[in-house]
Amino acid sequence: GGFSPLQSSALSTVAAWLDATPMSVALA
């Protein structure tokens, strides 16, 4: 938890690179 929209965008970018969900990436 606790992600701002800008942080969520960065997290979503990495998730897209990995073909994963943002929450999976946050746990990784």
mmCIF file of all heavy atoms, coordinates in Angstrom:
data_MODEL
# 
_entry.id   MODEL 
# 
loop_
_atom_site.group_PDB 
_atom_site.id 
_atom_site.type_symbol 
_atom_site.label_atom_id 
_atom_site.label_alt_id 
_atom_site.label_comp_id 
_atom_site.label_asym_id 
_atom_site.label_entity_id 
_atom_site.label_seq_id 
_atom_site.pdbx_PDB_ins_code 
_atom_site.Cartn_x 
_atom_site.Cartn_y 
_atom_site.Cartn_z 
_atom_site.occupancy 
_atom_site.B_iso_or_equiv 
_atom_site.pdbx_formal_charge 
_atom_site.auth_seq_id 
_atom_site.auth_comp_id 
_atom_site.auth_asym_id 
_atom_site.auth_atom_id 
_atom_site.pdbx_PDB_model_num 
ATOM 1   N N   . GLY A 1 1  ? 0.790  -1.229  0.000   1.00 0.00 ? 1  GLY A N   1 
ATOM 2   C CA  . GLY A 1 1  ? 0.000  0.000   0.000   1.00 0.00 ? 1  GLY A CA  1 
ATOM 3   C C   . GLY A 1 1  ? 0.814  1.265   0.000   1.00 0.00 ? 1  GLY A C   1 
ATOM 4   O O   . GLY A 1 1  ? 2.034  1.255   0.087   1.00 0.00 ? 1  GLY A O   1 
ATOM 5   N N   . GLY A 1 2  ? 0.088  2.382   -0.137  1.00 0.00 ? 2  GLY A N   1 
ATOM 6   C CA  . GLY A 1 2  ? 0.679  3.691   0.007   1.00 0.00 ? 2  GLY A CA  1 
ATOM 7   C C   . GLY A 1 2  ? 1.255  4.318   -1.238  1.00 0.00 ? 2  GLY A C   1 
ATOM 8   O O   . GLY A 1 2  ? 2.066  5.231   -1.154  1.00 0.00 ? 2  GLY A O   1 
ATOM 9   N N   . PHE A 1 3  ? 0.867  3.857   -2.407  1.00 0.00 ? 3  PHE A N   1 
ATOM 10  C CA  . PHE A 1 3  ? 1.447  4.386   -3.638  1.00 0.00 ? 3  PHE A CA  1 
ATOM 11  C C   . PHE A 1 3  ? 0.696  5.618   -4.124  1.00 0.00 ? 3  PHE A C   1 
ATOM 12  O O   . PHE A 1 3  ? -0.524 5.620   -4.192  1.00 0.00 ? 3  PHE A O   1 
ATOM 13  C CB  . PHE A 1 3  ? 1.426  3.326   -4.748  1.00 0.00 ? 3  PHE A CB  1 
ATOM 14  C CG  . PHE A 1 3  ? 2.273  2.127   -4.433  1.00 0.00 ? 3  PHE A CG  1 
ATOM 15  C CD1 . PHE A 1 3  ? 1.699  0.976   -3.927  1.00 0.00 ? 3  PHE A CD1 1 
ATOM 16  C CD2 . PHE A 1 3  ? 3.635  2.161   -4.616  1.00 0.00 ? 3  PHE A CD2 1 
ATOM 17  C CE1 . PHE A 1 3  ? 2.465  -0.130  -3.617  1.00 0.00 ? 3  PHE A CE1 1 
ATOM 18  C CE2 . PHE A 1 3  ? 4.421  1.065   -4.297  1.00 0.00 ? 3  PHE A CE2 1 
ATOM 19  C CZ  . PHE A 1 3  ? 3.837  -0.081  -3.805  1.00 0.00 ? 3  PHE A CZ  1 
ATOM 20  N N   . SER A 1 4  ? 1.448  6.652   -4.489  1.00 0.00 ? 4  SER A N   1 
ATOM 21  C CA  . SER A 1 4  ? 0.852  7.828   -5.124  1.00 0.00 ? 4  SER A CA  1 
ATOM 22  C C   . SER A 1 4  ? 0.647  7.504   -6.606  1.00 0.00 ? 4  SER A C   1 
ATOM 23  O O   . SER A 1 4  ? 1.230  6.536   -7.119  1.00 0.00 ? 4  SER A O   1 
ATOM 24  C CB  . SER A 1 4  ? 1.784  9.032   -4.988  1.00 0.00 ? 4  SER A CB  1 
ATOM 25  O OG  . SER A 1 4  ? 2.916  8.867   -5.823  1.00 0.00 ? 4  SER A OG  1 
ATOM 26  N N   . PRO A 1 5  ? -0.142 8.289   -7.330  1.00 0.00 ? 5  PRO A N   1 
ATOM 27  C CA  . PRO A 1 5  ? -0.322 8.019   -8.767  1.00 0.00 ? 5  PRO A CA  1 
ATOM 28  C C   . PRO A 1 5  ? 1.001  7.978   -9.540  1.00 0.00 ? 5  PRO A C   1 
ATOM 29  O O   . PRO A 1 5  ? 1.193  7.120   -10.392 1.00 0.00 ? 5  PRO A O   1 
ATOM 30  C CB  . PRO A 1 5  ? -1.219 9.169   -9.234  1.00 0.00 ? 5  PRO A CB  1 
ATOM 31  C CG  . PRO A 1 5  ? -2.004 9.530   -8.019  1.00 0.00 ? 5  PRO A CG  1 
ATOM 32  C CD  . PRO A 1 5  ? -1.038 9.351   -6.868  1.00 0.00 ? 5  PRO A CD  1 
ATOM 33  N N   . LEU A 1 6  ? 1.939  8.882   -9.232  1.00 0.00 ? 6  LEU A N   1 
ATOM 34  C CA  . LEU A 1 6  ? 3.221  8.892   -9.921  1.00 0.00 ? 6  LEU A CA  1 
ATOM 35  C C   . LEU A 1 6  ? 4.005  7.609   -9.633  1.00 0.00 ? 6  LEU A C   1 
ATOM 36  O O   . LEU A 1 6  ? 4.582  6.995   -10.527 1.00 0.00 ? 6  LEU A O   1 
ATOM 37  C CB  . LEU A 1 6  ? 4.037  10.123  -9.513  1.00 0.00 ? 6  LEU A CB  1 
ATOM 38  C CG  . LEU A 1 6  ? 5.391  10.277  -10.178 1.00 0.00 ? 6  LEU A CG  1 
ATOM 39  C CD1 . LEU A 1 6  ? 5.235  10.392  -11.697 1.00 0.00 ? 6  LEU A CD1 1 
ATOM 40  C CD2 . LEU A 1 6  ? 6.120  11.499  -9.643  1.00 0.00 ? 6  LEU A CD2 1 
ATOM 41  N N   . GLN A 1 7  ? 4.013  7.189   -8.365  1.00 0.00 ? 7  GLN A N   1 
ATOM 42  C CA  . GLN A 1 7  ? 4.708  5.958   -7.996  1.00 0.00 ? 7  GLN A CA  1 
ATOM 43  C C   . GLN A 1 7  ? 4.035  4.751   -8.632  1.00 0.00 ? 7  GLN A C   1 
ATOM 44  O O   . GLN A 1 7  ? 4.707  3.831   -9.097  1.00 0.00 ? 7  GLN A O   1 
ATOM 45  C CB  . GLN A 1 7  ? 4.753  5.816   -6.474  1.00 0.00 ? 7  GLN A CB  1 
ATOM 46  C CG  . GLN A 1 7  ? 5.614  6.870   -5.813  1.00 0.00 ? 7  GLN A CG  1 
ATOM 47  C CD  . GLN A 1 7  ? 5.382  6.936   -4.311  1.00 0.00 ? 7  GLN A CD  1 
ATOM 48  O OE1 . GLN A 1 7  ? 4.304  6.616   -3.820  1.00 0.00 ? 7  GLN A OE1 1 
ATOM 49  N NE2 . GLN A 1 7  ? 6.400  7.373   -3.589  1.00 0.00 ? 7  GLN A NE2 1 
ATOM 50  N N   . SER A 1 8  ? 2.726  4.775   -8.674  1.00 0.00 ? 8  SER A N   1 
ATOM 51  C CA  . SER A 1 8  ? 1.994  3.668   -9.307  1.00 0.00 ? 8  SER A CA  1 
ATOM 52  C C   . SER A 1 8  ? 2.344  3.578   -10.780 1.00 0.00 ? 8  SER A C   1 
ATOM 53  O O   . SER A 1 8  ? 2.427  2.490   -11.338 1.00 0.00 ? 8  SER A O   1 
ATOM 54  C CB  . SER A 1 8  ? 0.483  3.853   -9.134  1.00 0.00 ? 8  SER A CB  1 
ATOM 55  O OG  . SER A 1 8  ? 0.125  3.701   -7.789  1.00 0.00 ? 8  SER A OG  1 
ATOM 56  N N   . SER A 1 9  ? 2.565  4.711   -11.409 1.00 0.00 ? 9  SER A N   1 
ATOM 57  C CA  . SER A 1 9  ? 2.944  4.727   -12.818 1.00 0.00 ? 9  SER A CA  1 
ATOM 58  C C   . SER A 1 9  ? 4.300  4.052   -13.015 1.00 0.00 ? 9  SER A C   1 
ATOM 59  O O   . SER A 1 9  ? 4.474  3.239   -13.930 1.00 0.00 ? 9  SER A O   1 
ATOM 60  C CB  . SER A 1 9  ? 2.984  6.167   -13.332 1.00 0.00 ? 9  SER A CB  1 
ATOM 61  O OG  . SER A 1 9  ? 3.447  6.200   -14.657 1.00 0.00 ? 9  SER A OG  1 
ATOM 62  N N   . ALA A 1 10 ? 5.263  4.359   -12.171 1.00 0.00 ? 10 ALA A N   1 
ATOM 63  C CA  . ALA A 1 10 ? 6.581  3.727   -12.264 1.00 0.00 ? 10 ALA A CA  1 
ATOM 64  C C   . ALA A 1 10 ? 6.473  2.224   -12.007 1.00 0.00 ? 10 ALA A C   1 
ATOM 65  O O   . ALA A 1 10 ? 7.094  1.415   -12.708 1.00 0.00 ? 10 ALA A O   1 
ATOM 66  C CB  . ALA A 1 10 ? 7.548  4.372   -11.275 1.00 0.00 ? 10 ALA A CB  1 
ATOM 67  N N   . LEU A 1 11 ? 5.680  1.852   -11.038 1.00 0.00 ? 11 LEU A N   1 
ATOM 68  C CA  . LEU A 1 11 ? 5.478  0.442   -10.731 1.00 0.00 ? 11 LEU A CA  1 
ATOM 69  C C   . LEU A 1 11 ? 4.798  -0.273  -11.892 1.00 0.00 ? 11 LEU A C   1 
ATOM 70  O O   . LEU A 1 11 ? 5.197  -1.372  -12.281 1.00 0.00 ? 11 LEU A O   1 
ATOM 71  C CB  . LEU A 1 11 ? 4.646  0.305   -9.449  1.00 0.00 ? 11 LEU A CB  1 
ATOM 72  C CG  . LEU A 1 11 ? 4.364  -1.096  -8.937  1.00 0.00 ? 11 LEU A CG  1 
ATOM 73  C CD1 . LEU A 1 11 ? 5.650  -1.875  -8.687  1.00 0.00 ? 11 LEU A CD1 1 
ATOM 74  C CD2 . LEU A 1 11 ? 3.533  -1.018  -7.661  1.00 0.00 ? 11 LEU A CD2 1 
ATOM 75  N N   . SER A 1 12 ? 3.817  0.368   -12.491 1.00 0.00 ? 12 SER A N   1 
ATOM 76  C CA  . SER A 1 12 ? 3.116  -0.218  -13.645 1.00 0.00 ? 12 SER A CA  1 
ATOM 77  C C   . SER A 1 12 ? 4.045  -0.381  -14.834 1.00 0.00 ? 12 SER A C   1 
ATOM 78  O O   . SER A 1 12 ? 3.927  -1.352  -15.596 1.00 0.00 ? 12 SER A O   1 
ATOM 79  C CB  . SER A 1 12 ? 1.914  0.636   -14.030 1.00 0.00 ? 12 SER A CB  1 
ATOM 80  O OG  . SER A 1 12 ? 0.954  0.596   -12.994 1.00 0.00 ? 12 SER A OG  1 
ATOM 81  N N   . THR A 1 13 ? 4.986  0.550   -15.003 1.00 0.00 ? 13 THR A N   1 
ATOM 82  C CA  . THR A 1 13 ? 5.954  0.457   -16.096 1.00 0.00 ? 13 THR A CA  1 
ATOM 83  C C   . THR A 1 13 ? 6.797  -0.805  -15.952 1.00 0.00 ? 13 THR A C   1 
ATOM 84  O O   . THR A 1 13 ? 6.965  -1.565  -16.902 1.00 0.00 ? 13 THR A O   1 
ATOM 85  C CB  . THR A 1 13 ? 6.857  1.712   -16.123 1.00 0.00 ? 13 THR A CB  1 
ATOM 86  O OG1 . THR A 1 13 ? 6.041  2.848   -16.396 1.00 0.00 ? 13 THR A OG1 1 
ATOM 87  C CG2 . THR A 1 13 ? 7.944  1.590   -17.172 1.00 0.00 ? 13 THR A CG2 1 
ATOM 88  N N   . VAL A 1 14 ? 7.330  -1.028  -14.761 1.00 0.00 ? 14 VAL A N   1 
ATOM 89  C CA  . VAL A 1 14 ? 8.146  -2.226  -14.528 1.00 0.00 ? 14 VAL A CA  1 
ATOM 90  C C   . VAL A 1 14 ? 7.292  -3.476  -14.673 1.00 0.00 ? 14 VAL A C   1 
ATOM 91  O O   . VAL A 1 14 ? 7.728  -4.471  -15.256 1.00 0.00 ? 14 VAL A O   1 
ATOM 92  C CB  . VAL A 1 14 ? 8.837  -2.172  -13.147 1.00 0.00 ? 14 VAL A CB  1 
ATOM 93  C CG1 . VAL A 1 14 ? 9.561  -3.480  -12.859 1.00 0.00 ? 14 VAL A CG1 1 
ATOM 94  C CG2 . VAL A 1 14 ? 9.808  -0.994  -13.086 1.00 0.00 ? 14 VAL A CG2 1 
ATOM 95  N N   . ALA A 1 15 ? 6.065  -3.434  -14.179 1.00 0.00 ? 15 ALA A N   1 
ATOM 96  C CA  . ALA A 1 15 ? 5.167  -4.595  -14.312 1.00 0.00 ? 15 ALA A CA  1 
ATOM 97  C C   . ALA A 1 15 ? 4.943  -4.930  -15.778 1.00 0.00 ? 15 ALA A C   1 
ATOM 98  O O   . ALA A 1 15 ? 4.952  -6.106  -16.162 1.00 0.00 ? 15 ALA A O   1 
ATOM 99  C CB  . ALA A 1 15 ? 3.841  -4.321  -13.600 1.00 0.00 ? 15 ALA A CB  1 
ATOM 100 N N   . ALA A 1 16 ? 4.773  -3.909  -16.610 1.00 0.00 ? 16 ALA A N   1 
ATOM 101 C CA  . ALA A 1 16 ? 4.580  -4.142  -18.047 1.00 0.00 ? 16 ALA A CA  1 
ATOM 102 C C   . ALA A 1 16 ? 5.832  -4.768  -18.656 1.00 0.00 ? 16 ALA A C   1 
ATOM 103 O O   . ALA A 1 16 ? 5.735  -5.684  -19.497 1.00 0.00 ? 16 ALA A O   1 
ATOM 104 C CB  . ALA A 1 16 ? 4.226  -2.837  -18.759 1.00 0.00 ? 16 ALA A CB  1 
ATOM 105 N N   . TRP A 1 17 ? 7.009  -4.294  -18.259 1.00 0.00 ? 17 TRP A N   1 
ATOM 106 C CA  . TRP A 1 17 ? 8.260  -4.876  -18.765 1.00 0.00 ? 17 TRP A CA  1 
ATOM 107 C C   . TRP A 1 17 ? 8.345  -6.358  -18.438 1.00 0.00 ? 17 TRP A C   1 
ATOM 108 O O   . TRP A 1 17 ? 8.870  -7.154  -19.212 1.00 0.00 ? 17 TRP A O   1 
ATOM 109 C CB  . TRP A 1 17 ? 9.484  -4.196  -18.147 1.00 0.00 ? 17 TRP A CB  1 
ATOM 110 C CG  . TRP A 1 17 ? 9.720  -2.768  -18.517 1.00 0.00 ? 17 TRP A CG  1 
ATOM 111 C CD1 . TRP A 1 17 ? 9.192  -2.076  -19.580 1.00 0.00 ? 17 TRP A CD1 1 
ATOM 112 C CD2 . TRP A 1 17 ? 10.552 -1.846  -17.819 1.00 0.00 ? 17 TRP A CD2 1 
ATOM 113 N NE1 . TRP A 1 17 ? 9.642  -0.785  -19.572 1.00 0.00 ? 17 TRP A NE1 1 
ATOM 114 C CE2 . TRP A 1 17 ? 10.490 -0.610  -18.501 1.00 0.00 ? 17 TRP A CE2 1 
ATOM 115 C CE3 . TRP A 1 17 ? 11.348 -1.930  -16.674 1.00 0.00 ? 17 TRP A CE3 1 
ATOM 116 C CZ2 . TRP A 1 17 ? 11.197 0.514   -18.091 1.00 0.00 ? 17 TRP A CZ2 1 
ATOM 117 C CZ3 . TRP A 1 17 ? 12.045 -0.808  -16.260 1.00 0.00 ? 17 TRP A CZ3 1 
ATOM 118 C CH2 . TRP A 1 17 ? 11.970 0.403   -16.966 1.00 0.00 ? 17 TRP A CH2 1 
ATOM 119 N N   . LEU A 1 18 ? 7.830  -6.733  -17.262 1.00 0.00 ? 18 LEU A N   1 
ATOM 120 C CA  . LEU A 1 18 ? 7.940  -8.114  -16.778 1.00 0.00 ? 18 LEU A CA  1 
ATOM 121 C C   . LEU A 1 18 ? 6.713  -8.966  -17.089 1.00 0.00 ? 18 LEU A C   1 
ATOM 122 O O   . LEU A 1 18 ? 6.679  -10.142 -16.733 1.00 0.00 ? 18 LEU A O   1 
ATOM 123 C CB  . LEU A 1 18 ? 8.180  -8.109  -15.263 1.00 0.00 ? 18 LEU A CB  1 
ATOM 124 C CG  . LEU A 1 18 ? 9.475  -7.456  -14.794 1.00 0.00 ? 18 LEU A CG  1 
ATOM 125 C CD1 . LEU A 1 18 ? 9.496  -7.347  -13.269 1.00 0.00 ? 18 LEU A CD1 1 
ATOM 126 C CD2 . LEU A 1 18 ? 10.674 -8.250  -15.291 1.00 0.00 ? 18 LEU A CD2 1 
ATOM 127 N N   . ASP A 1 19 ? 5.723  -8.359  -17.730 1.00 0.00 ? 19 ASP A N   1 
ATOM 128 C CA  . ASP A 1 19 ? 4.458  -9.043  -17.991 1.00 0.00 ? 19 ASP A CA  1 
ATOM 129 C C   . ASP A 1 19 ? 3.891  -9.614  -16.685 1.00 0.00 ? 19 ASP A C   1 
ATOM 130 O O   . ASP A 1 19 ? 3.558  -10.792 -16.579 1.00 0.00 ? 19 ASP A O   1 
ATOM 131 C CB  . ASP A 1 19 ? 4.626  -10.146 -19.047 1.00 0.00 ? 19 ASP A CB  1 
ATOM 132 C CG  . ASP A 1 19 ? 3.285  -10.679 -19.546 1.00 0.00 ? 19 ASP A CG  1 
ATOM 133 O OD1 . ASP A 1 19 ? 2.294  -9.913  -19.534 1.00 0.00 ? 19 ASP A OD1 1 
ATOM 134 O OD2 . ASP A 1 19 ? 3.233  -11.865 -19.928 1.00 0.00 ? 19 ASP A OD2 1 
ATOM 135 N N   . ALA A 1 20 ? 3.832  -8.737  -15.686 1.00 0.00 ? 20 ALA A N   1 
ATOM 136 C CA  . ALA A 1 20 ? 3.366  -9.114  -14.351 1.00 0.00 ? 20 ALA A CA  1 
ATOM 137 C C   . ALA A 1 20 ? 2.420  -8.026  -13.848 1.00 0.00 ? 20 ALA A C   1 
ATOM 138 O O   . ALA A 1 20 ? 2.271  -6.981  -14.476 1.00 0.00 ? 20 ALA A O   1 
ATOM 139 C CB  . ALA A 1 20 ? 4.564  -9.245  -13.410 1.00 0.00 ? 20 ALA A CB  1 
ATOM 140 N N   . THR A 1 21 ? 1.803  -8.273  -12.723 1.00 0.00 ? 21 THR A N   1 
ATOM 141 C CA  . THR A 1 21 ? 0.951  -7.243  -12.121 1.00 0.00 ? 21 THR A CA  1 
ATOM 142 C C   . THR A 1 21 ? 1.810  -6.331  -11.246 1.00 0.00 ? 21 THR A C   1 
ATOM 143 O O   . THR A 1 21 ? 2.864  -6.753  -10.737 1.00 0.00 ? 21 THR A O   1 
ATOM 144 C CB  . THR A 1 21 ? -0.159 -7.866  -11.254 1.00 0.00 ? 21 THR A CB  1 
ATOM 145 O OG1 . THR A 1 21 ? 0.451  -8.492  -10.121 1.00 0.00 ? 21 THR A OG1 1 
ATOM 146 C CG2 . THR A 1 21 ? -0.996 -8.867  -12.049 1.00 0.00 ? 21 THR A CG2 1 
ATOM 147 N N   . PRO A 1 22 ? 1.373  -5.095  -11.039 1.00 0.00 ? 22 PRO A N   1 
ATOM 148 C CA  . PRO A 1 22 ? 2.135  -4.196  -10.158 1.00 0.00 ? 22 PRO A CA  1 
ATOM 149 C C   . PRO A 1 22 ? 2.331  -4.761  -8.754  1.00 0.00 ? 22 PRO A C   1 
ATOM 150 O O   . PRO A 1 22 ? 3.406  -4.620  -8.173  1.00 0.00 ? 22 PRO A O   1 
ATOM 151 C CB  . PRO A 1 22 ? 1.280  -2.923  -10.136 1.00 0.00 ? 22 PRO A CB  1 
ATOM 152 C CG  . PRO A 1 22 ? 0.575  -2.934  -11.460 1.00 0.00 ? 22 PRO A CG  1 
ATOM 153 C CD  . PRO A 1 22 ? 0.267  -4.392  -11.712 1.00 0.00 ? 22 PRO A CD  1 
ATOM 154 N N   . MET A 1 23 ? 1.325  -5.408  -8.205  1.00 0.00 ? 23 MET A N   1 
ATOM 155 C CA  . MET A 1 23 ? 1.460  -5.935  -6.850  1.00 0.00 ? 23 MET A CA  1 
ATOM 156 C C   . MET A 1 23 ? 2.472  -7.081  -6.799  1.00 0.00 ? 23 MET A C   1 
ATOM 157 O O   . MET A 1 23 ? 3.224  -7.205  -5.828  1.00 0.00 ? 23 MET A O   1 
ATOM 158 C CB  . MET A 1 23 ? 0.108  -6.363  -6.294  1.00 0.00 ? 23 MET A CB  1 
ATOM 159 C CG  . MET A 1 23 ? -0.870 -5.196  -6.116  1.00 0.00 ? 23 MET A CG  1 
ATOM 160 S SD  . MET A 1 23 ? -0.271 -3.824  -5.079  1.00 0.00 ? 23 MET A SD  1 
ATOM 161 C CE  . MET A 1 23 ? 0.170  -2.569  -6.286  1.00 0.00 ? 23 MET A CE  1 
ATOM 162 N N   . SER A 1 24 ? 2.530  -7.904  -7.847  1.00 0.00 ? 24 SER A N   1 
ATOM 163 C CA  . SER A 1 24 ? 3.545  -8.958  -7.899  1.00 0.00 ? 24 SER A CA  1 
ATOM 164 C C   . SER A 1 24 ? 4.938  -8.352  -7.898  1.00 0.00 ? 24 SER A C   1 
ATOM 165 O O   . SER A 1 24 ? 5.855  -8.844  -7.230  1.00 0.00 ? 24 SER A O   1 
ATOM 166 C CB  . SER A 1 24 ? 3.365  -9.819  -9.148  1.00 0.00 ? 24 SER A CB  1 
ATOM 167 O OG  . SER A 1 24 ? 2.158  -10.534 -9.111  1.00 0.00 ? 24 SER A OG  1 
ATOM 168 N N   . VAL A 1 25 ? 5.106  -7.270  -8.647  1.00 0.00 ? 25 VAL A N   1 
ATOM 169 C CA  . VAL A 1 25 ? 6.403  -6.598  -8.716  1.00 0.00 ? 25 VAL A CA  1 
ATOM 170 C C   . VAL A 1 25 ? 6.752  -5.983  -7.358  1.00 0.00 ? 25 VAL A C   1 
ATOM 171 O O   . VAL A 1 25 ? 7.902  -6.062  -6.904  1.00 0.00 ? 25 VAL A O   1 
ATOM 172 C CB  . VAL A 1 25 ? 6.414  -5.535  -9.838  1.00 0.00 ? 25 VAL A CB  1 
ATOM 173 C CG1 . VAL A 1 25 ? 7.697  -4.709  -9.793  1.00 0.00 ? 25 VAL A CG1 1 
ATOM 174 C CG2 . VAL A 1 25 ? 6.252  -6.200  -11.200 1.00 0.00 ? 25 VAL A CG2 1 
ATOM 175 N N   . ALA A 1 26 ? 5.777  -5.372  -6.698  1.00 0.00 ? 26 ALA A N   1 
ATOM 176 C CA  . ALA A 1 26 ? 6.031  -4.774  -5.381  1.00 0.00 ? 26 ALA A CA  1 
ATOM 177 C C   . ALA A 1 26 ? 6.482  -5.841  -4.379  1.00 0.00 ? 26 ALA A C   1 
ATOM 178 O O   . ALA A 1 26 ? 7.411  -5.614  -3.589  1.00 0.00 ? 26 ALA A O   1 
ATOM 179 C CB  . ALA A 1 26 ? 4.786  -4.054  -4.875  1.00 0.00 ? 26 ALA A CB  1 
ATOM 180 N N   . LEU A 1 27 ? 5.874  -7.009  -4.423  1.00 0.00 ? 27 LEU A N   1 
ATOM 181 C CA  . LEU A 1 27 ? 6.286  -8.100  -3.534  1.00 0.00 ? 27 LEU A CA  1 
ATOM 182 C C   . LEU A 1 27 ? 7.666  -8.630  -3.924  1.00 0.00 ? 27 LEU A C   1 
ATOM 183 O O   . LEU A 1 27 ? 8.491  -8.927  -3.052  1.00 0.00 ? 27 LEU A O   1 
ATOM 184 C CB  . LEU A 1 27 ? 5.251  -9.222  -3.552  1.00 0.00 ? 27 LEU A CB  1 
ATOM 185 C CG  . LEU A 1 27 ? 3.907  -8.877  -2.908  1.00 0.00 ? 27 LEU A CG  1 
ATOM 186 C CD1 . LEU A 1 27 ? 2.913  -10.015 -3.113  1.00 0.00 ? 27 LEU A CD1 1 
ATOM 187 C CD2 . LEU A 1 27 ? 4.055  -8.549  -1.433  1.00 0.00 ? 27 LEU A CD2 1 
ATOM 188 N N   . ALA A 1 28 ? 7.927  -8.737  -5.225  1.00 0.00 ? 28 ALA A N   1 
ATOM 189 C CA  . ALA A 1 28 ? 9.243  -9.189  -5.691  1.00 0.00 ? 28 ALA A CA  1 
ATOM 190 C C   . ALA A 1 28 ? 10.328 -8.231  -5.202  1.00 0.00 ? 28 ALA A C   1 
ATOM 191 O O   . ALA A 1 28 ? 11.407 -8.661  -4.783  1.00 0.00 ? 28 ALA A O   1 
ATOM 192 C CB  . ALA A 1 28 ? 9.257  -9.291  -7.213  1.00 0.00 ? 28 ALA A CB  1 
# 
